[in-house]
Full PDB file with SEQRES, HELIX, SHEET, SSBOND, CRYST1, ORIGX, SCALE, CONECT and MASTER records, all heavy atoms in Angstrom:
SEQRES   1 A   34  ARG LYS GLY TYR GLY SER GLU ALA LEU MET LEU ALA LEU          
SEQRES   2 A   34  ARG TYR ALA ALA ASN GLN LEU GLN MET LYS LYS ILE PHE          
SEQRES   3 A   34  LEU ARG VAL LEU ALA ASP ASN GLU                              
HELIX    1 AA1 TYR A    4  ASN A   18  1                                  15    
CRYST1    1.000    1.000    1.000  90.00  90.00  90.00 P 1           1          
ORIGX1      1.000000  0.000000  0.000000        0.00000                         
ORIGX2      0.000000  1.000000  0.000000        0.00000                         
ORIGX3      0.000000  0.000000  1.000000        0.00000                         
SCALE1      1.000000  0.000000  0.000000        0.00000                         
SCALE2      0.000000  1.000000  0.000000        0.00000                         
SCALE3      0.000000  0.000000  1.000000        0.00000                         
ATOM      1  N   ARG A   1     116.218 106.312  75.483  1.00  0.00           N  
ATOM      2  CA  ARG A   1     115.397 107.044  74.504  1.00  0.00           C  
ATOM      3  C   ARG A   1     115.889 106.913  73.044  1.00  0.00           C  
ATOM      4  O   ARG A   1     115.732 107.794  72.240  1.00  0.00           O  
ATOM      5  CB  ARG A   1     115.271 108.531  74.865  1.00  0.00           C  
ATOM      6  CG  ARG A   1     114.692 108.745  76.250  1.00  0.00           C  
ATOM      7  CD  ARG A   1     114.423 110.183  76.510  1.00  0.00           C  
ATOM      8  NE  ARG A   1     114.078 110.471  77.889  1.00  0.00           N  
ATOM      9  CZ  ARG A   1     112.914 110.224  78.434  1.00  0.00           C  
ATOM     10  NH1 ARG A   1     111.936 109.660  77.729  1.00  0.00           N  
ATOM     11  NH2 ARG A   1     112.672 110.521  79.714  1.00  0.00           N  
ATOM     12  N   LYS A   2     116.515 105.750  72.749  1.00  0.00           N  
ATOM     13  CA  LYS A   2     116.951 105.502  71.378  1.00  0.00           C  
ATOM     14  C   LYS A   2     116.345 104.240  70.826  1.00  0.00           C  
ATOM     15  O   LYS A   2     116.707 103.791  69.731  1.00  0.00           O  
ATOM     16  CB  LYS A   2     118.489 105.355  71.371  1.00  0.00           C  
ATOM     17  CG  LYS A   2     119.209 106.626  71.796  1.00  0.00           C  
ATOM     18  CD  LYS A   2     120.701 106.490  71.752  1.00  0.00           C  
ATOM     19  CE  LYS A   2     121.318 107.807  72.160  1.00  0.00           C  
ATOM     20  NZ  LYS A   2     122.765 107.747  72.194  1.00  0.00           N  
ATOM     21  N   GLY A   3     115.410 103.628  71.558  1.00  0.00           N  
ATOM     22  CA  GLY A   3     114.723 102.424  71.067  1.00  0.00           C  
ATOM     23  C   GLY A   3     115.430 101.160  71.439  1.00  0.00           C  
ATOM     24  O   GLY A   3     114.949 100.076  71.096  1.00  0.00           O  
ATOM     25  N   TYR A   4     116.568 101.230  72.103  1.00  0.00           N  
ATOM     26  CA  TYR A   4     117.285 100.023  72.435  1.00  0.00           C  
ATOM     27  C   TYR A   4     116.547  99.151  73.442  1.00  0.00           C  
ATOM     28  O   TYR A   4     116.520  97.925  73.255  1.00  0.00           O  
ATOM     29  CB  TYR A   4     118.687 100.377  73.058  1.00  0.00           C  
ATOM     30  CG  TYR A   4     119.569 101.176  72.162  1.00  0.00           C  
ATOM     31  CD1 TYR A   4     120.447 102.165  72.670  1.00  0.00           C  
ATOM     32  CD2 TYR A   4     119.643 100.979  70.798  1.00  0.00           C  
ATOM     33  CE1 TYR A   4     121.293 102.885  71.879  1.00  0.00           C  
ATOM     34  CE2 TYR A   4     120.499 101.692  69.945  1.00  0.00           C  
ATOM     35  CZ  TYR A   4     121.317 102.656  70.534  1.00  0.00           C  
ATOM     36  OH  TYR A   4     122.168 103.389  69.721  1.00  0.00           O  
ATOM     37  N   GLY A   5     115.939  99.773  74.426  1.00  0.00           N  
ATOM     38  CA  GLY A   5     115.206  98.999  75.438  1.00  0.00           C  
ATOM     39  C   GLY A   5     113.955  98.304  74.797  1.00  0.00           C  
ATOM     40  O   GLY A   5     113.670  97.158  75.095  1.00  0.00           O  
ATOM     41  N   SER A   6     113.280  99.020  73.922  1.00  0.00           N  
ATOM     42  CA  SER A   6     112.094  98.458  73.252  1.00  0.00           C  
ATOM     43  C   SER A   6     112.490  97.240  72.384  1.00  0.00           C  
ATOM     44  O   SER A   6     111.830  96.199  72.418  1.00  0.00           O  
ATOM     45  CB  SER A   6     111.431  99.499  72.328  1.00  0.00           C  
ATOM     46  OG  SER A   6     110.870 100.513  73.084  1.00  0.00           O  
ATOM     47  N   GLU A   7     113.604  97.388  71.626  1.00  0.00           N  
ATOM     48  CA  GLU A   7     114.040  96.272  70.823  1.00  0.00           C  
ATOM     49  C   GLU A   7     114.517  95.101  71.670  1.00  0.00           C  
ATOM     50  O   GLU A   7     114.249  93.940  71.368  1.00  0.00           O  
ATOM     51  CB  GLU A   7     115.124  96.690  69.845  1.00  0.00           C  
ATOM     52  CG  GLU A   7     115.474  95.597  68.884  1.00  0.00           C  
ATOM     53  CD  GLU A   7     116.437  95.989  67.770  1.00  0.00           C  
ATOM     54  OE1 GLU A   7     116.756  97.210  67.645  1.00  0.00           O  
ATOM     55  OE2 GLU A   7     116.848  95.102  67.012  1.00  0.00           O  
ATOM     56  N   ALA A   8     115.213  95.398  72.786  1.00  0.00           N  
ATOM     57  CA  ALA A   8     115.687  94.356  73.665  1.00  0.00           C  
ATOM     58  C   ALA A   8     114.490  93.601  74.264  1.00  0.00           C  
ATOM     59  O   ALA A   8     114.538  92.354  74.365  1.00  0.00           O  
ATOM     60  CB  ALA A   8     116.530  94.949  74.814  1.00  0.00           C  
ATOM     61  N   LEU A   9     113.434  94.312  74.612  1.00  0.00           N  
ATOM     62  CA  LEU A   9     112.220  93.688  75.135  1.00  0.00           C  
ATOM     63  C   LEU A   9     111.640  92.725  74.072  1.00  0.00           C  
ATOM     64  O   LEU A   9     111.323  91.573  74.377  1.00  0.00           O  
ATOM     65  CB  LEU A   9     111.201  94.740  75.501  1.00  0.00           C  
ATOM     66  CG  LEU A   9     109.774  94.221  75.871  1.00  0.00           C  
ATOM     67  CD1 LEU A   9     109.788  93.287  77.051  1.00  0.00           C  
ATOM     68  CD2 LEU A   9     108.856  95.429  76.115  1.00  0.00           C  
ATOM     69  N   MET A  10     111.518  93.194  72.834  1.00  0.00           N  
ATOM     70  CA  MET A  10     110.925  92.359  71.775  1.00  0.00           C  
ATOM     71  C   MET A  10     111.764  91.092  71.501  1.00  0.00           C  
ATOM     72  O   MET A  10     111.248  90.008  71.375  1.00  0.00           O  
ATOM     73  CB  MET A  10     110.729  93.195  70.488  1.00  0.00           C  
ATOM     74  CG  MET A  10     109.592  94.176  70.605  1.00  0.00           C  
ATOM     75  SD  MET A  10     109.264  95.066  69.071  1.00  0.00           S  
ATOM     76  CE  MET A  10     110.634  96.242  69.062  1.00  0.00           C  
ATOM     77  N   LEU A  11     113.115  91.291  71.423  1.00  0.00           N  
ATOM     78  CA  LEU A  11     114.009  90.150  71.207  1.00  0.00           C  
ATOM     79  C   LEU A  11     113.914  89.136  72.354  1.00  0.00           C  
ATOM     80  O   LEU A  11     113.869  87.921  72.142  1.00  0.00           O  
ATOM     81  CB  LEU A  11     115.443  90.597  70.990  1.00  0.00           C  
ATOM     82  CG  LEU A  11     115.733  91.390  69.735  1.00  0.00           C  
ATOM     83  CD1 LEU A  11     117.166  91.907  69.751  1.00  0.00           C  
ATOM     84  CD2 LEU A  11     115.485  90.539  68.507  1.00  0.00           C  
ATOM     85  N   ALA A  12     113.870  89.685  73.566  1.00  0.00           N  
ATOM     86  CA  ALA A  12     113.824  88.822  74.760  1.00  0.00           C  
ATOM     87  C   ALA A  12     112.495  88.065  74.812  1.00  0.00           C  
ATOM     88  O   ALA A  12     112.476  86.854  75.141  1.00  0.00           O  
ATOM     89  CB  ALA A  12     114.038  89.665  76.014  1.00  0.00           C  
ATOM     90  N   LEU A  13     111.403  88.719  74.489  1.00  0.00           N  
ATOM     91  CA  LEU A  13     110.094  88.058  74.506  1.00  0.00           C  
ATOM     92  C   LEU A  13     110.059  86.908  73.469  1.00  0.00           C  
ATOM     93  O   LEU A  13     109.517  85.846  73.748  1.00  0.00           O  
ATOM     94  CB  LEU A  13     108.967  89.044  74.287  1.00  0.00           C  
ATOM     95  CG  LEU A  13     108.683  90.039  75.441  1.00  0.00           C  
ATOM     96  CD1 LEU A  13     107.633  91.036  75.025  1.00  0.00           C  
ATOM     97  CD2 LEU A  13     108.290  89.267  76.708  1.00  0.00           C  
ATOM     98  N   ARG A  14     110.601  87.165  72.314  1.00  0.00           N  
ATOM     99  CA  ARG A  14     110.673  86.121  71.305  1.00  0.00           C  
ATOM    100  C   ARG A  14     111.474  84.940  71.779  1.00  0.00           C  
ATOM    101  O   ARG A  14     111.107  83.786  71.605  1.00  0.00           O  
ATOM    102  CB  ARG A  14     111.221  86.698  69.992  1.00  0.00           C  
ATOM    103  CG  ARG A  14     110.965  85.811  68.791  1.00  0.00           C  
ATOM    104  CD  ARG A  14     111.365  86.475  67.459  1.00  0.00           C  
ATOM    105  NE  ARG A  14     110.717  87.767  67.283  1.00  0.00           N  
ATOM    106  CZ  ARG A  14     111.333  88.841  66.874  1.00  0.00           C  
ATOM    107  NH1 ARG A  14     112.596  88.851  66.602  1.00  0.00           N  
ATOM    108  NH2 ARG A  14     110.658  89.975  66.765  1.00  0.00           N  
ATOM    109  N   TYR A  15     112.576  85.222  72.441  1.00  0.00           N  
ATOM    110  CA  TYR A  15     113.446  84.152  72.983  1.00  0.00           C  
ATOM    111  C   TYR A  15     112.661  83.385  74.078  1.00  0.00           C  
ATOM    112  O   TYR A  15     112.697  82.159  74.104  1.00  0.00           O  
ATOM    113  CB  TYR A  15     114.709  84.767  73.609  1.00  0.00           C  
ATOM    114  CG  TYR A  15     115.563  83.753  74.306  1.00  0.00           C  
ATOM    115  CD1 TYR A  15     116.490  83.006  73.572  1.00  0.00           C  
ATOM    116  CD2 TYR A  15     115.471  83.512  75.679  1.00  0.00           C  
ATOM    117  CE1 TYR A  15     117.284  82.049  74.193  1.00  0.00           C  
ATOM    118  CE2 TYR A  15     116.251  82.600  76.309  1.00  0.00           C  
ATOM    119  CZ  TYR A  15     117.161  81.840  75.555  1.00  0.00           C  
ATOM    120  OH  TYR A  15     117.921  80.899  76.199  1.00  0.00           O  
ATOM    121  N   ALA A  16     111.939  84.097  74.930  1.00  0.00           N  
ATOM    122  CA  ALA A  16     111.166  83.435  76.003  1.00  0.00           C  
ATOM    123  C   ALA A  16     110.109  82.519  75.437  1.00  0.00           C  
ATOM    124  O   ALA A  16     109.884  81.422  75.950  1.00  0.00           O  
ATOM    125  CB  ALA A  16     110.527  84.479  76.905  1.00  0.00           C  
ATOM    126  N   ALA A  17     109.464  82.960  74.350  1.00  0.00           N  
ATOM    127  CA  ALA A  17     108.422  82.131  73.714  1.00  0.00           C  
ATOM    128  C   ALA A  17     109.024  80.940  72.990  1.00  0.00           C  
ATOM    129  O   ALA A  17     108.557  79.786  73.175  1.00  0.00           O  
ATOM    130  CB  ALA A  17     107.617  82.979  72.792  1.00  0.00           C  
ATOM    131  N   ASN A  18     110.040  81.180  72.186  1.00  0.00           N  
ATOM    132  CA  ASN A  18     110.562  80.095  71.338  1.00  0.00           C  
ATOM    133  C   ASN A  18     111.572  79.177  71.987  1.00  0.00           C  
ATOM    134  O   ASN A  18     111.508  77.961  71.790  1.00  0.00           O  
ATOM    135  CB  ASN A  18     111.206  80.742  70.090  1.00  0.00           C  
ATOM    136  CG  ASN A  18     110.187  81.439  69.232  1.00  0.00           C  
ATOM    137  OD1 ASN A  18     109.044  81.078  69.211  1.00  0.00           O  
ATOM    138  ND2 ASN A  18     110.634  82.480  68.527  1.00  0.00           N  
ATOM    139  N   GLN A  19     112.519  79.718  72.793  1.00  0.00           N  
ATOM    140  CA  GLN A  19     113.555  78.900  73.378  1.00  0.00           C  
ATOM    141  C   GLN A  19     113.122  78.372  74.748  1.00  0.00           C  
ATOM    142  O   GLN A  19     113.336  77.214  75.064  1.00  0.00           O  
ATOM    143  CB  GLN A  19     114.862  79.658  73.537  1.00  0.00           C  
ATOM    144  CG  GLN A  19     115.521  80.215  72.265  1.00  0.00           C  
ATOM    145  CD  GLN A  19     115.257  79.539  70.973  1.00  0.00           C  
ATOM    146  OE1 GLN A  19     114.531  80.094  70.154  1.00  0.00           O  
ATOM    147  NE2 GLN A  19     115.794  78.357  70.748  1.00  0.00           N  
ATOM    148  N   LEU A  20     112.589  79.266  75.593  1.00  0.00           N  
ATOM    149  CA  LEU A  20     112.193  78.846  76.932  1.00  0.00           C  
ATOM    150  C   LEU A  20     110.791  78.268  76.967  1.00  0.00           C  
ATOM    151  O   LEU A  20     110.391  77.652  77.939  1.00  0.00           O  
ATOM    152  CB  LEU A  20     112.257  80.046  77.910  1.00  0.00           C  
ATOM    153  CG  LEU A  20     113.637  80.684  78.082  1.00  0.00           C  
ATOM    154  CD1 LEU A  20     113.544  81.892  78.987  1.00  0.00           C  
ATOM    155  CD2 LEU A  20     114.651  79.697  78.625  1.00  0.00           C  
ATOM    156  N   GLN A  21     110.009  78.518  75.888  1.00  0.00           N  
ATOM    157  CA  GLN A  21     108.645  78.033  75.757  1.00  0.00           C  
ATOM    158  C   GLN A  21     107.746  78.541  76.905  1.00  0.00           C  
ATOM    159  O   GLN A  21     106.895  77.774  77.401  1.00  0.00           O  
ATOM    160  CB  GLN A  21     108.604  76.526  75.594  1.00  0.00           C  
ATOM    161  CG  GLN A  21     109.370  76.114  74.373  1.00  0.00           C  
ATOM    162  CD  GLN A  21     109.246  74.609  74.045  1.00  0.00           C  
ATOM    163  OE1 GLN A  21     108.862  73.823  74.881  1.00  0.00           O  
ATOM    164  NE2 GLN A  21     109.535  74.318  72.796  1.00  0.00           N  
ATOM    165  N   MET A  22     107.922  79.771  77.261  1.00  0.00           N  
ATOM    166  CA  MET A  22     107.132  80.405  78.340  1.00  0.00           C  
ATOM    167  C   MET A  22     105.747  80.737  77.774  1.00  0.00           C  
ATOM    168  O   MET A  22     105.587  81.108  76.608  1.00  0.00           O  
ATOM    169  CB  MET A  22     107.804  81.687  78.846  1.00  0.00           C  
ATOM    170  CG  MET A  22     109.143  81.445  79.551  1.00  0.00           C  
ATOM    171  SD  MET A  22     108.955  80.589  81.146  1.00  0.00           S  
ATOM    172  CE  MET A  22     109.638  78.993  80.754  1.00  0.00           C  
ATOM    173  N   LYS A  23     104.750  80.612  78.641  1.00  0.00           N  
ATOM    174  CA  LYS A  23     103.369  80.921  78.270  1.00  0.00           C  
ATOM    175  C   LYS A  23     102.935  82.232  78.867  1.00  0.00           C  
ATOM    176  O   LYS A  23     101.992  82.885  78.391  1.00  0.00           O  
ATOM    177  CB  LYS A  23     102.424  79.819  78.711  1.00  0.00           C  
ATOM    178  CG  LYS A  23     102.690  78.482  78.028  1.00  0.00           C  
ATOM    179  CD  LYS A  23     102.401  78.548  76.530  1.00  0.00           C  
ATOM    180  CE  LYS A  23     102.664  77.209  75.855  1.00  0.00           C  
ATOM    181  NZ  LYS A  23     102.685  77.341  74.420  1.00  0.00           N  
ATOM    182  N   LYS A  24     103.573  82.641  79.967  1.00  0.00           N  
ATOM    183  CA  LYS A  24     103.201  83.879  80.650  1.00  0.00           C  
ATOM    184  C   LYS A  24     104.485  84.565  81.164  1.00  0.00           C  
ATOM    185  O   LYS A  24     105.295  83.906  81.819  1.00  0.00           O  
ATOM    186  CB  LYS A  24     102.231  83.636  81.758  1.00  0.00           C  
ATOM    187  CG  LYS A  24     101.655  84.922  82.345  1.00  0.00           C  
ATOM    188  CD  LYS A  24     100.646  84.624  83.435  1.00  0.00           C  
ATOM    189  CE  LYS A  24      99.378  84.145  82.784  1.00  0.00           C  
ATOM    190  NZ  LYS A  24      98.252  83.947  83.725  1.00  0.00           N  
ATOM    191  N   ILE A  25     104.611  85.839  80.900  1.00  0.00           N  
ATOM    192  CA  ILE A  25     105.713  86.651  81.419  1.00  0.00           C  
ATOM    193  C   ILE A  25     105.075  87.734  82.295  1.00  0.00           C  
ATOM    194  O   ILE A  25     104.069  88.329  81.904  1.00  0.00           O  
ATOM    195  CB  ILE A  25     106.522  87.285  80.274  1.00  0.00           C  
ATOM    196  CG1 ILE A  25     107.097  86.230  79.327  1.00  0.00           C  
ATOM    197  CG2 ILE A  25     107.639  88.193  80.858  1.00  0.00           C  
ATOM    198  CD1 ILE A  25     108.083  85.258  79.978  1.00  0.00           C  
ATOM    199  N   PHE A  26     105.659  87.971  83.425  1.00  0.00           N  
ATOM    200  CA  PHE A  26     105.178  89.047  84.308  1.00  0.00           C  
ATOM    201  C   PHE A  26     106.348  89.940  84.654  1.00  0.00           C  
ATOM    202  O   PHE A  26     107.498  89.623  84.425  1.00  0.00           O  
ATOM    203  CB  PHE A  26     104.441  88.484  85.505  1.00  0.00           C  
ATOM    204  CG  PHE A  26     105.269  87.501  86.344  1.00  0.00           C  
ATOM    205  CD1 PHE A  26     106.012  87.911  87.415  1.00  0.00           C  
ATOM    206  CD2 PHE A  26     105.269  86.153  86.019  1.00  0.00           C  
ATOM    207  CE1 PHE A  26     106.765  87.033  88.135  1.00  0.00           C  
ATOM    208  CE2 PHE A  26     106.033  85.251  86.770  1.00  0.00           C  
ATOM    209  CZ  PHE A  26     106.778  85.701  87.834  1.00  0.00           C  
ATOM    210  N   LEU A  27     106.015  91.101  85.153  1.00  0.00           N  
ATOM    211  CA  LEU A  27     106.999  92.077  85.604  1.00  0.00           C  
ATOM    212  C   LEU A  27     106.442  92.982  86.657  1.00  0.00           C  
ATOM    213  O   LEU A  27     105.209  93.024  86.885  1.00  0.00           O  
ATOM    214  CB  LEU A  27     107.526  92.875  84.381  1.00  0.00           C  
ATOM    215  CG  LEU A  27     106.518  93.708  83.565  1.00  0.00           C  
ATOM    216  CD1 LEU A  27     106.307  95.093  84.200  1.00  0.00           C  
ATOM    217  CD2 LEU A  27     107.010  93.873  82.188  1.00  0.00           C  
ATOM    218  N   ARG A  28     107.354  93.701  87.306  1.00  0.00           N  
ATOM    219  CA  ARG A  28     106.988  94.725  88.273  1.00  0.00           C  
ATOM    220  C   ARG A  28     107.685  96.035  87.782  1.00  0.00           C  
ATOM    221  O   ARG A  28     108.785  95.992  87.380  1.00  0.00           O  
ATOM    222  CB  ARG A  28     107.495  94.392  89.664  1.00  0.00           C  
ATOM    223  CG  ARG A  28     106.838  93.137  90.211  1.00  0.00           C  
ATOM    224  CD  ARG A  28     107.438  92.700  91.516  1.00  0.00           C  
ATOM    225  NE  ARG A  28     108.783  92.137  91.215  1.00  0.00           N  
ATOM    226  CZ  ARG A  28     109.720  91.890  92.124  1.00  0.00           C  
ATOM    227  NH1 ARG A  28     109.519  92.198  93.378  1.00  0.00           N  
ATOM    228  NH2 ARG A  28     110.880  91.388  91.771  1.00  0.00           N  
ATOM    229  N   VAL A  29     106.944  97.119  87.855  1.00  0.00           N  
ATOM    230  CA  VAL A  29     107.483  98.400  87.446  1.00  0.00           C  
ATOM    231  C   VAL A  29     106.934  99.464  88.361  1.00  0.00           C  
ATOM    232  O   VAL A  29     105.750  99.429  88.785  1.00  0.00           O  
ATOM    233  CB  VAL A  29     107.156  98.684  85.952  1.00  0.00           C  
ATOM    234  CG1 VAL A  29     105.627  98.747  85.703  1.00  0.00           C  
ATOM    235  CG2 VAL A  29     107.851  99.987  85.467  1.00  0.00           C  
ATOM    236  N   LEU A  30     107.783 100.455  88.723  1.00  0.00           N  
ATOM    237  CA  LEU A  30     107.295 101.569  89.504  1.00  0.00           C  
ATOM    238  C   LEU A  30     106.252 102.360  88.728  1.00  0.00           C  
ATOM    239  O   LEU A  30     106.463 102.642  87.555  1.00  0.00           O  
ATOM    240  CB  LEU A  30     108.458 102.496  89.940  1.00  0.00           C  
ATOM    241  CG  LEU A  30     109.430 101.807  90.908  1.00  0.00           C  
ATOM    242  CD1 LEU A  30     110.690 102.702  91.044  1.00  0.00           C  
ATOM    243  CD2 LEU A  30     108.788 101.617  92.250  1.00  0.00           C  
ATOM    244  N   ALA A  31     105.157 102.679  89.361  1.00  0.00           N  
ATOM    245  CA  ALA A  31     104.038 103.345  88.689  1.00  0.00           C  
ATOM    246  C   ALA A  31     104.367 104.695  88.087  1.00  0.00           C  
ATOM    247  O   ALA A  31     103.708 105.133  87.136  1.00  0.00           O  
ATOM    248  CB  ALA A  31     102.845 103.490  89.637  1.00  0.00           C  
ATOM    249  N   ASP A  32     105.436 105.342  88.567  1.00  0.00           N  
ATOM    250  CA  ASP A  32     105.813 106.637  87.979  1.00  0.00           C  
ATOM    251  C   ASP A  32     106.765 106.502  86.837  1.00  0.00           C  
ATOM    252  O   ASP A  32     107.155 107.501  86.222  1.00  0.00           O  
ATOM    253  CB  ASP A  32     106.398 107.542  89.093  1.00  0.00           C  
ATOM    254  CG  ASP A  32     107.698 107.049  89.693  1.00  0.00           C  
ATOM    255  OD1 ASP A  32     108.162 105.945  89.322  1.00  0.00           O  
ATOM    256  OD2 ASP A  32     108.247 107.738  90.566  1.00  0.00           O  
ATOM    257  N   ASN A  33     107.098 105.289  86.427  1.00  0.00           N  
ATOM    258  CA  ASN A  33     107.961 105.046  85.279  1.00  0.00           C  
ATOM    259  C   ASN A  33     107.071 104.930  84.045  1.00  0.00           C  
ATOM    260  O   ASN A  33     106.922 103.877  83.414  1.00  0.00           O  
ATOM    261  CB  ASN A  33     108.808 103.807  85.479  1.00  0.00           C  
ATOM    262  CG  ASN A  33     109.952 103.676  84.458  1.00  0.00           C  
ATOM    263  OD1 ASN A  33     109.952 104.337  83.416  1.00  0.00           O  
ATOM    264  ND2 ASN A  33     110.932 102.825  84.806  1.00  0.00           N  
ATOM    265  N   GLU A  34     106.465 106.080  83.643  1.00  0.00           N  
ATOM    266  CA  GLU A  34     105.474 106.072  82.613  1.00  0.00           C  
ATOM    267  C   GLU A  34     106.014 105.625  81.246  1.00  0.00           C  
ATOM    268  O   GLU A  34     105.273 104.951  80.481  1.00  0.00           O  
ATOM    269  CB  GLU A  34     104.876 107.487  82.494  1.00  0.00           C  
ATOM    270  CG  GLU A  34     104.107 107.876  83.744  1.00  0.00           C  
ATOM    271  CD  GLU A  34     103.681 109.340  83.774  1.00  0.00           C  
ATOM    272  OE1 GLU A  34     103.939 110.074  82.793  1.00  0.00           O  
ATOM    273  OE2 GLU A  34     103.092 109.730  84.791  1.00  0.00           O  
TER     274      GLU A  34                                                      
MASTER        0    0    0    1    0    0    0    6  273    1    0    3          
END                                                                             
């Protein structure tokens, strides 16, 4: 709840697009993890 996870997600997605050149990222999350 300090924004660290959100920023880590954004940095990681940028890395996936630019370095790994990924076109699609998927994930699984428990439905109660709102």
